[in-house]
Amino acid sequence: MAIEKEQIKKKLQELEEAIAETRKRLPAHSVKPAVMMDLLDLEDERDELLVKLSK
């Protein structure tokens, strides 16, 4: 169980970095739908892992 939590924490860190990079790609105006979808997908995956980690 401890190994699984460590794997989740590592994946969360990777997702946070990917989210930060994706946010940098968002322009101030005329947000591209593909970039926004990427961001939403990453945030959804992060949220799922946070739920697993809290159990």
PDB file of N, CA and C in Angstrom:
ATOM      1  N   MET A   1       0.824  -1.204   0.000  1.00  0.00           N
ATOM      2  CA  MET A   1       0.000   0.000   0.000  1.00  0.00           C
ATOM      3  C   MET A   1       0.860   1.256   0.000  1.00  0.00           C
ATOM      4  N   ALA A   2       1.964   1.243   0.754  1.00  0.00           N
ATOM      5  CA  ALA A   2       2.839   2.413   0.813  1.00  0.00           C
ATOM      6  C   ALA A   2       3.480   2.681  -0.534  1.00  0.00           C
ATOM      7  N   ILE A   3       3.799   1.604  -1.262  1.00  0.00           N
ATOM      8  CA  ILE A   3       4.406   1.761  -2.589  1.00  0.00           C
ATOM      9  C   ILE A   3       3.405   2.426  -3.525  1.00  0.00           C
ATOM     10  N   GLU A   4       2.147   2.000  -3.451  1.00  0.00           N
ATOM     11  CA  GLU A   4       1.119   2.582  -4.307  1.00  0.00           C
ATOM     12  C   GLU A   4       0.953   4.075  -4.015  1.00  0.00           C
ATOM     13  N   LYS A   5       0.964   4.461  -2.750  1.00  0.00           N
ATOM     14  CA  LYS A   5       0.832   5.886  -2.401  1.00  0.00           C
ATOM     15  C   LYS A   5       2.022   6.679  -2.918  1.00  0.00           C
ATOM     16  N   GLU A   6       3.207   6.103  -2.867  1.00  0.00           N
ATOM     17  CA  GLU A   6       4.395   6.795  -3.379  1.00  0.00           C
ATOM     18  C   GLU A   6       4.286   6.972  -4.888  1.00  0.00           C
ATOM     19  N   GLN A   7       3.754   5.957  -5.572  1.00  0.00           N
ATOM     20  CA  GLN A   7       3.572   6.056  -7.020  1.00  0.00           C
ATOM     21  C   GLN A   7       2.550   7.140  -7.356  1.00  0.00           C
ATOM     22  N   ILE A   8       1.489   7.207  -6.570  1.00  0.00           N
ATOM     23  CA  ILE A   8       0.461   8.230  -6.780  1.00  0.00           C
ATOM     24  C   ILE A   8       1.061   9.618  -6.556  1.00  0.00           C
ATOM     25  N   LYS A   9       1.849   9.769  -5.495  1.00  0.00           N
ATOM     26  CA  LYS A   9       2.477  11.068  -5.215  1.00  0.00           C
ATOM     27  C   LYS A   9       3.413  11.482  -6.345  1.00  0.00           C
ATOM     28  N   LYS A  10       4.154  10.516  -6.877  1.00  0.00           N
ATOM     29  CA  LYS A  10       5.065  10.816  -7.984  1.00  0.00           C
ATOM     30  C   LYS A  10       4.275  11.250  -9.219  1.00  0.00           C
ATOM     31  N   LYS A  11       3.200  10.529  -9.517  1.00  0.00           N
ATOM     32  CA  LYS A  11       2.363  10.869 -10.665  1.00  0.00           C
ATOM     33  C   LYS A  11       1.716  12.240 -10.457  1.00  0.00           C
ATOM     34  N   LEU A  12       1.303  12.547  -9.221  1.00  0.00           N
ATOM     35  CA  LEU A  12       0.726  13.861  -8.934  1.00  0.00           C
ATOM     36  C   LEU A  12       1.728  14.979  -9.220  1.00  0.00           C
ATOM     37  N   GLN A  13       2.966  14.757  -8.830  1.00  0.00           N
ATOM     38  CA  GLN A  13       4.004  15.758  -9.084  1.00  0.00           C
ATOM     39  C   GLN A  13       4.189  15.962 -10.586  1.00  0.00           C
ATOM     40  N   GLU A  14       4.213  14.860 -11.332  1.00  0.00           N
ATOM     41  CA  GLU A  14       4.344  14.954 -12.787  1.00  0.00           C
ATOM     42  C   GLU A  14       3.161  15.706 -13.390  1.00  0.00           C
ATOM     43  N   LEU A  15       1.962  15.426 -12.890  1.00  0.00           N
ATOM     44  CA  LEU A  15       0.772  16.106 -13.398  1.00  0.00           C
ATOM     45  C   LEU A  15       0.800  17.591 -13.076  1.00  0.00           C
ATOM     46  N   GLU A  16       1.233  17.945 -11.881  1.00  0.00           N
ATOM     47  CA  GLU A  16       1.321  19.365 -11.513  1.00  0.00           C
ATOM     48  C   GLU A  16       2.281  20.105 -12.445  1.00  0.00           C
ATOM     49  N   GLU A  17       3.389  19.456 -12.779  1.00  0.00           N
ATOM     50  CA  GLU A  17       4.345  20.070 -13.701  1.00  0.00           C
ATOM     51  C   GLU A  17       3.734  20.218 -15.084  1.00  0.00           C
ATOM     52  N   ALA A  18       3.012  19.187 -15.538  1.00  0.00           N
ATOM     53  CA  ALA A  18       2.366  19.246 -16.852  1.00  0.00           C
ATOM     54  C   ALA A  18       1.280  20.320 -16.871  1.00  0.00           C
ATOM     55  N   ILE A  19       0.544  20.456 -15.784  1.00  0.00           N
ATOM     56  CA  ILE A  19      -0.492  21.489 -15.697  1.00  0.00           C
ATOM     57  C   ILE A  19       0.142  22.871 -15.770  1.00  0.00           C
ATOM     58  N   ALA A  20       1.231  23.061 -15.057  1.00  0.00           N
ATOM     59  CA  ALA A  20       1.921  24.353 -15.083  1.00  0.00           C
ATOM     60  C   ALA A  20       2.420  24.680 -16.493  1.00  0.00           C
ATOM     61  N   GLU A  21       2.975  23.685 -17.168  1.00  0.00           N
ATOM     62  CA  GLU A  21       3.460  23.903 -18.536  1.00  0.00           C
ATOM     63  C   GLU A  21       2.302  24.223 -19.480  1.00  0.00           C
ATOM     64  N   THR A  22       1.201  23.536 -19.316  1.00  0.00           N
ATOM     65  CA  THR A  22       0.039  23.770 -20.177  1.00  0.00           C
ATOM     66  C   THR A  22      -0.528  25.159 -19.938  1.00  0.00           C
ATOM     67  N   ARG A  23      -0.567  25.582 -18.683  1.00  0.00           N
ATOM     68  CA  ARG A  23      -1.063  26.939 -18.381  1.00  0.00           C
ATOM     69  C   ARG A  23      -0.180  28.000 -19.023  1.00  0.00           C
ATOM     70  N   LYS A  24       1.112  27.731 -19.112  1.00  0.00           N
ATOM     71  CA  LYS A  24       2.020  28.684 -19.767  1.00  0.00           C
ATOM     72  C   LYS A  24       1.687  28.824 -21.250  1.00  0.00           C
ATOM     73  N   ARG A  25       1.135  27.755 -21.850  1.00  0.00           N
ATOM     74  CA  ARG A  25       0.794  27.787 -23.277  1.00  0.00           C
ATOM     75  C   ARG A  25      -0.518  28.512 -23.550  1.00  0.00           C
ATOM     76  N   LEU A  26      -1.273  28.792 -22.499  1.00  0.00           N
ATOM     77  CA  LEU A  26      -2.541  29.480 -22.694  1.00  0.00           C
ATOM     78  C   LEU A  26      -2.296  30.964 -22.974  1.00  0.00           C
ATOM     79  N   PRO A  27      -2.723  31.430 -24.110  1.00  0.00           N
ATOM     80  CA  PRO A  27      -2.567  32.859 -24.391  1.00  0.00           C
ATOM     81  C   PRO A  27      -3.575  33.682 -23.581  1.00  0.00           C
ATOM     82  N   ALA A  28      -3.278  34.939 -23.431  1.00  0.00           N
ATOM     83  CA  ALA A  28      -4.182  35.818 -22.682  1.00  0.00           C
ATOM     84  C   ALA A  28      -5.525  35.968 -23.403  1.00  0.00           C
ATOM     85  N   HIS A  29      -5.483  35.880 -24.717  1.00  0.00           N
ATOM     86  CA  HIS A  29      -6.699  36.028 -25.532  1.00  0.00           C
ATOM     87  C   HIS A  29      -6.774  34.860 -26.508  1.00  0.00           C
ATOM     88  N   SER A  30      -7.952  34.568 -26.965  1.00  0.00           N
ATOM     89  CA  SER A  30      -8.175  33.530 -27.969  1.00  0.00           C
ATOM     90  C   SER A  30      -7.579  32.188 -27.567  1.00  0.00           C
ATOM     91  N   VAL A  31      -8.056  31.667 -26.481  1.00  0.00           N
ATOM     92  CA  VAL A  31      -7.578  30.371 -25.996  1.00  0.00           C
ATOM     93  C   VAL A  31      -7.945  29.296 -27.002  1.00  0.00           C
ATOM     94  N   LYS A  32      -6.962  28.470 -27.348  1.00  0.00           N
ATOM     95  CA  LYS A  32      -7.200  27.391 -28.299  1.00  0.00           C
ATOM     96  C   LYS A  32      -7.901  26.235 -27.577  1.00  0.00           C
ATOM     97  N   PRO A  33      -8.966  25.713 -28.176  1.00  0.00           N
ATOM     98  CA  PRO A  33      -9.712  24.629 -27.529  1.00  0.00           C
ATOM     99  C   PRO A  33      -8.846  23.405 -27.203  1.00  0.00           C
ATOM    100  N   ALA A  34      -7.916  23.067 -28.065  1.00  0.00           N
ATOM    101  CA  ALA A  34      -7.076  21.887 -27.825  1.00  0.00           C
ATOM    102  C   ALA A  34      -6.233  22.044 -26.569  1.00  0.00           C
ATOM    103  N   VAL A  35      -5.692  23.234 -26.357  1.00  0.00           N
ATOM    104  CA  VAL A  35      -4.870  23.476 -25.172  1.00  0.00           C
ATOM    105  C   VAL A  35      -5.750  23.446 -23.924  1.00  0.00           C
ATOM    106  N   MET A  36      -6.928  24.017 -24.022  1.00  0.00           N
ATOM    107  CA  MET A  36      -7.847  24.015 -22.884  1.00  0.00           C
ATOM    108  C   MET A  36      -8.281  22.593 -22.542  1.00  0.00           C
ATOM    109  N   MET A  37      -8.528  21.770 -23.548  1.00  0.00           N
ATOM    110  CA  MET A  37      -8.898  20.374 -23.315  1.00  0.00           C
ATOM    111  C   MET A  37      -7.758  19.614 -22.639  1.00  0.00           C
ATOM    112  N   ASP A  38      -6.526  19.876 -23.085  1.00  0.00           N
ATOM    113  CA  ASP A  38      -5.360  19.251 -22.447  1.00  0.00           C
ATOM    114  C   ASP A  38      -5.323  19.605 -20.962  1.00  0.00           C
ATOM    115  N   LEU A  39      -5.517  20.869 -20.674  1.00  0.00           N
ATOM    116  CA  LEU A  39      -5.477  21.337 -19.291  1.00  0.00           C
ATOM    117  C   LEU A  39      -6.580  20.676 -18.459  1.00  0.00           C
ATOM    118  N   LEU A  40      -7.772  20.630 -18.987  1.00  0.00           N
ATOM    119  CA  LEU A  40      -8.886  20.023 -18.264  1.00  0.00           C
ATOM    120  C   LEU A  40      -8.655  18.535 -18.028  1.00  0.00           C
ATOM    121  N   ASP A  41      -8.121  17.844 -19.026  1.00  0.00           N
ATOM    122  CA  ASP A  41      -7.818  16.413 -18.866  1.00  0.00           C
ATOM    123  C   ASP A  41      -6.780  16.185 -17.771  1.00  0.00           C
ATOM    124  N   LEU A  42      -5.734  17.000 -17.772  1.00  0.00           N
ATOM    125  CA  LEU A  42      -4.693  16.873 -16.753  1.00  0.00           C
ATOM    126  C   LEU A  42      -5.252  17.141 -15.359  1.00  0.00           C
ATOM    127  N   GLU A  43      -6.080  18.168 -15.250  1.00  0.00           N
ATOM    128  CA  GLU A  43      -6.674  18.497 -13.953  1.00  0.00           C
ATOM    129  C   GLU A  43      -7.624  17.393 -13.481  1.00  0.00           C
ATOM    130  N   ASP A  44      -8.372  16.796 -14.402  1.00  0.00           N
ATOM    131  CA  ASP A  44      -9.260  15.695 -14.037  1.00  0.00           C
ATOM    132  C   ASP A  44      -8.461  14.500 -13.525  1.00  0.00           C
ATOM    133  N   GLU A  45      -7.376  14.173 -14.217  1.00  0.00           N
ATOM    134  CA  GLU A  45      -6.527  13.055 -13.795  1.00  0.00           C
ATOM    135  C   GLU A  45      -5.927  13.333 -12.413  1.00  0.00           C
ATOM    136  N   ARG A  46      -5.476  14.579 -12.199  1.00  0.00           N
ATOM    137  CA  ARG A  46      -4.932  14.971 -10.901  1.00  0.00           C
ATOM    138  C   ARG A  46      -5.982  14.808  -9.804  1.00  0.00           C
ATOM    139  N   ASP A  47      -7.193  15.257 -10.074  1.00  0.00           N
ATOM    140  CA  ASP A  47      -8.263  15.171  -9.081  1.00  0.00           C
ATOM    141  C   ASP A  47      -8.585  13.717  -8.722  1.00  0.00           C
ATOM    142  N   GLU A  48      -8.575  12.838  -9.721  1.00  0.00           N
ATOM    143  CA  GLU A  48      -8.820  11.415  -9.466  1.00  0.00           C
ATOM    144  C   GLU A  48      -7.736  10.829  -8.564  1.00  0.00           C
ATOM    145  N   LEU A  49      -6.489  11.200  -8.809  1.00  0.00           N
ATOM    146  CA  LEU A  49      -5.403  10.699  -7.991  1.00  0.00           C
ATOM    147  C   LEU A  49      -5.473  11.238  -6.562  1.00  0.00           C
ATOM    148  N   LEU A  50      -5.891  12.484  -6.414  1.00  0.00           N
ATOM    149  CA  LEU A  50      -6.045  13.047  -5.076  1.00  0.00           C
ATOM    150  C   LEU A  50      -7.113  12.292  -4.274  1.00  0.00           C
ATOM    151  N   VAL A  51      -8.165  11.875  -4.948  1.00  0.00           N
ATOM    152  CA  VAL A  51      -9.206  11.097  -4.278  1.00  0.00           C
ATOM    153  C   VAL A  51      -8.630   9.755  -3.840  1.00  0.00           C
ATOM    154  N   LYS A  52      -7.885   9.091  -4.726  1.00  0.00           N
ATOM    155  CA  LYS A  52      -7.275   7.801  -4.382  1.00  0.00           C
ATOM    156  C   LYS A  52      -6.307   7.956  -3.203  1.00  0.00           C
ATOM    157  N   LEU A  53      -5.565   9.024  -3.211  1.00  0.00           N
ATOM    158  CA  LEU A  53      -4.573   9.246  -2.168  1.00  0.00           C
ATOM    159  C   LEU A  53      -5.234   9.500  -0.812  1.00  0.00           C
ATOM    160  N   SER A  54      -6.402  10.099  -0.814  1.00  0.00           N
ATOM    161  CA  SER A  54      -7.077  10.427   0.432  1.00  0.00           C
ATOM    162  C   SER A  54      -7.753   9.228   1.081  1.00  0.00           C
ATOM    163  N   LYS A  55      -7.840   8.119   0.361  1.00  0.00           N
ATOM    164  CA  LYS A  55      -8.495   6.916   0.910  1.00  0.00           C
ATOM    165  C   LYS A  55      -7.572   6.157   1.811  1.00  0.00           C
TER     166      LYS A  55
END
